[in-house]
Amino acid sequence: MPRAGIALGSNLGPRLANLQAACECLSRLSRPGAAVLQAAVYQTSPLACPDGSPDFFNTVVEIEYDGSPAELLQQTQTIEMTLGRTRGATRHAPRLIDIDLLYFGDATHASDGLDIPHPRLTQRRFVLQPLADIRPELILPGHSLTIADHLAALQSTEAPPELVHTHW
């Protein structure tokens, strides 16, 4: 059964509680008895968001999932809606919860609305840092570097993330 990496972010409301609720929902999607990996939570500056957007809390979760990437995407979008996410006309607007599928085992997939591995995963410190906490030796399909190597080589204007929470 494939392991799926999922990024979580929140920059509205009770950010830590929003992430915790999303993690609990994702844990219920994992195969019973399978390990659910969850990285520390980091505070990060908004990237490509409207001016004045609040800082994000970000983390990464990895679950074992018995279904297709498209089914998991549908379920993560349902979790977002259940937890109060609304989608407006403003791209990258502040949000209660954002859930992005990063990878799905060694699958590659490209279609409208779903690219696996996530095409910008290795360019985003706010994703690489928490992912390196739980899967530093992971090599994504189509890549030759580990997540730790991608993080070490990252050239980004993003400020280093600030650790805010380590355990649930």
Protein backbone atom coordinates (compact mmCIF):
# COMPACT_ATOMS: atom_id res chain seq x y z
CA MET A 1 0.00 0.00 0.00
CA PRO A 2 1.49 3.38 -0.94
CA ARG A 3 2.57 5.98 1.58
CA ALA A 4 1.28 9.46 0.79
CA GLY A 5 2.88 12.72 1.90
CA ILE A 6 0.50 15.57 2.61
CA ALA A 7 1.34 19.21 3.40
CA LEU A 8 -0.87 21.19 5.77
CA GLY A 9 -1.00 24.93 6.27
CA SER A 10 -3.17 27.41 8.17
CA ASN A 11 -2.94 31.17 8.52
CA LEU A 12 -6.40 32.06 9.87
CA GLY A 13 -8.12 31.31 13.16
CA PRO A 14 -6.62 28.94 15.71
CA ARG A 15 -3.84 27.75 13.39
CA LEU A 16 -2.48 24.95 15.58
CA ALA A 17 -5.97 23.60 16.28
CA ASN A 18 -6.76 23.75 12.55
CA LEU A 19 -3.68 21.65 11.76
CA GLN A 20 -4.45 19.21 14.55
CA ALA A 21 -8.01 18.71 13.29
CA ALA A 22 -6.74 18.09 9.76
CA CYS A 23 -4.13 15.62 11.06
CA GLU A 24 -6.84 13.72 12.94
CA CYS A 25 -8.98 13.51 9.80
CA LEU A 26 -6.03 12.33 7.71
CA SER A 27 -5.10 9.74 10.34
CA ARG A 28 -8.56 8.22 9.92
CA LEU A 29 -7.86 7.81 6.18
CA SER A 30 -4.70 5.81 6.87
CA ARG A 31 -4.77 2.02 6.84
CA PRO A 32 -5.69 0.83 10.35
CA GLY A 33 -2.55 -0.01 12.30
CA ALA A 34 -0.22 1.75 9.86
CA ALA A 35 2.17 4.34 11.21
CA VAL A 36 1.12 7.95 10.69
CA LEU A 37 4.15 10.22 10.55
CA GLN A 38 3.74 13.85 11.50
CA ALA A 39 6.41 16.51 11.37
CA ALA A 40 6.84 19.39 13.74
CA VAL A 41 4.82 22.55 13.12
CA TYR A 42 6.65 25.60 11.79
CA GLN A 43 5.62 29.23 11.50
CA THR A 44 6.46 30.66 8.09
CA SER A 45 5.99 33.92 6.26
CA PRO A 46 3.31 33.86 3.55
CA LEU A 47 4.66 33.17 0.07
CA ALA A 48 2.89 34.59 -3.02
CA CYS A 49 -0.05 35.68 -0.84
CA PRO A 50 -1.88 39.02 -0.84
CA ASP A 51 -0.18 41.85 1.08
CA GLY A 52 -0.89 41.77 4.80
CA SER A 53 -1.56 38.02 4.92
CA PRO A 54 -0.83 36.51 8.35
CA ASP A 55 1.98 34.02 8.91
CA PHE A 56 1.29 30.34 8.32
CA PHE A 57 1.68 27.33 10.54
CA ASN A 58 2.86 24.43 8.34
CA THR A 59 3.48 20.73 8.82
CA VAL A 60 3.63 17.51 6.80
CA VAL A 61 1.88 14.21 7.47
CA GLU A 62 2.51 10.84 5.87
CA ILE A 63 -0.16 8.15 5.82
CA GLU A 64 -0.60 4.73 4.25
CA TYR A 65 -3.52 4.96 1.84
CA ASP A 66 -5.52 2.23 0.13
CA GLY A 67 -6.95 4.05 -2.87
CA SER A 68 -5.92 6.16 -5.82
CA PRO A 69 -4.27 9.59 -5.78
CA ALA A 70 -7.47 11.08 -7.22
CA GLU A 71 -9.53 9.51 -4.41
CA LEU A 72 -7.13 10.89 -1.80
CA LEU A 73 -7.29 14.34 -3.40
CA GLN A 74 -11.09 14.22 -3.23
CA GLN A 75 -10.96 13.23 0.43
CA THR A 76 -8.48 15.99 1.31
CA GLN A 77 -10.69 18.56 -0.40
CA THR A 78 -13.67 17.27 1.61
CA ILE A 79 -11.61 17.65 4.81
CA GLU A 80 -10.78 21.24 3.85
CA MET A 81 -14.46 22.04 3.35
CA THR A 82 -15.47 20.26 6.57
CA LEU A 83 -12.91 22.31 8.51
CA GLY A 84 -14.26 25.57 7.08
CA ARG A 85 -12.13 26.34 4.05
CA THR A 86 -13.80 28.55 1.50
CA ARG A 87 -12.36 29.24 -1.91
CA GLY A 88 -12.69 32.78 -3.20
CA ALA A 89 -11.58 34.63 -6.27
CA THR A 90 -8.29 35.77 -4.69
CA ARG A 91 -5.53 33.26 -5.33
CA HIS A 92 -3.47 32.31 -2.23
CA ALA A 93 -5.84 34.23 0.04
CA PRO A 94 -5.57 33.58 3.80
CA ARG A 95 -7.23 30.30 4.78
CA LEU A 96 -8.21 28.22 7.77
CA ILE A 97 -6.69 25.09 6.25
CA ASP A 98 -4.80 24.15 3.11
CA ILE A 99 -4.10 20.50 2.32
CA ASP A 100 -1.81 19.54 -0.58
CA LEU A 101 -0.91 16.07 -1.77
CA LEU A 102 2.89 15.98 -2.11
CA TYR A 103 3.65 12.42 -3.21
CA PHE A 104 1.93 9.06 -3.45
CA GLY A 105 4.39 6.18 -3.17
CA ASP A 106 6.42 6.00 -6.38
CA ALA A 107 3.50 7.15 -8.52
CA THR A 108 3.78 9.99 -10.98
CA HIS A 109 0.67 11.69 -12.25
CA ALA A 110 -0.10 14.84 -14.20
CA SER A 111 -3.61 16.08 -14.89
CA ASP A 112 -5.79 19.10 -14.28
CA GLY A 113 -5.79 19.66 -10.54
CA LEU A 114 -3.36 16.90 -9.56
CA ASP A 115 0.37 16.63 -10.17
CA ILE A 116 2.38 14.01 -8.27
CA PRO A 117 4.96 14.57 -7.00
CA HIS A 118 3.86 18.14 -6.28
CA PRO A 119 5.70 20.24 -8.89
CA ARG A 120 6.92 22.93 -6.44
CA LEU A 121 7.65 20.68 -3.45
CA THR A 122 11.44 20.95 -3.79
CA GLN A 123 11.30 24.76 -4.18
CA ARG A 124 9.45 25.48 -0.93
CA ARG A 125 11.27 25.59 2.39
CA PHE A 126 7.93 25.59 4.25
CA VAL A 127 7.30 22.10 2.81
CA LEU A 128 10.86 20.73 2.67
CA GLN A 129 11.69 21.53 6.30
CA PRO A 130 8.85 19.57 7.91
CA LEU A 131 9.14 16.80 5.31
CA ALA A 132 12.85 16.47 6.13
CA ASP A 133 11.85 15.98 9.79
CA ILE A 134 10.00 12.77 8.98
CA ARG A 135 11.47 11.54 5.67
CA PRO A 136 14.98 13.00 5.14
CA GLU A 137 16.12 10.02 3.04
CA LEU A 138 13.06 9.97 0.78
CA ILE A 139 13.81 10.20 -2.93
CA LEU A 140 10.80 11.33 -4.93
CA PRO A 141 9.90 9.62 -8.21
CA GLY A 142 11.87 11.24 -11.01
CA HIS A 143 14.43 12.76 -8.62
CA SER A 144 17.93 11.68 -7.66
CA LEU A 145 18.37 13.74 -4.47
CA THR A 146 16.95 12.97 -1.05
CA ILE A 147 14.60 15.41 0.65
CA ALA A 148 17.46 16.36 3.01
CA ASP A 149 19.68 17.07 -0.02
CA HIS A 150 16.97 19.19 -1.66
CA LEU A 151 16.61 21.18 1.57
CA ALA A 152 20.38 21.68 1.88
CA ALA A 153 20.64 22.83 -1.74
CA LEU A 154 17.58 25.09 -1.66
CA GLN A 155 18.20 28.64 -2.79
CA SER A 156 15.20 30.58 -1.62
CA THR A 157 14.31 34.02 -0.37
CA GLU A 158 12.01 32.44 2.23
CA ALA A 159 12.92 33.22 5.81
CA PRO A 160 13.90 30.15 7.84
CA PRO A 161 10.82 28.60 9.43
CA GLU A 162 10.36 29.00 13.18
CA LEU A 163 9.63 25.83 15.15
CA VAL A 164 6.40 26.32 17.14
CA HIS A 165 5.21 22.83 18.10
CA THR A 166 6.84 19.42 18.15
CA HIS A 167 4.30 16.86 19.43
CA TRP A 168 0.53 16.47 19.51
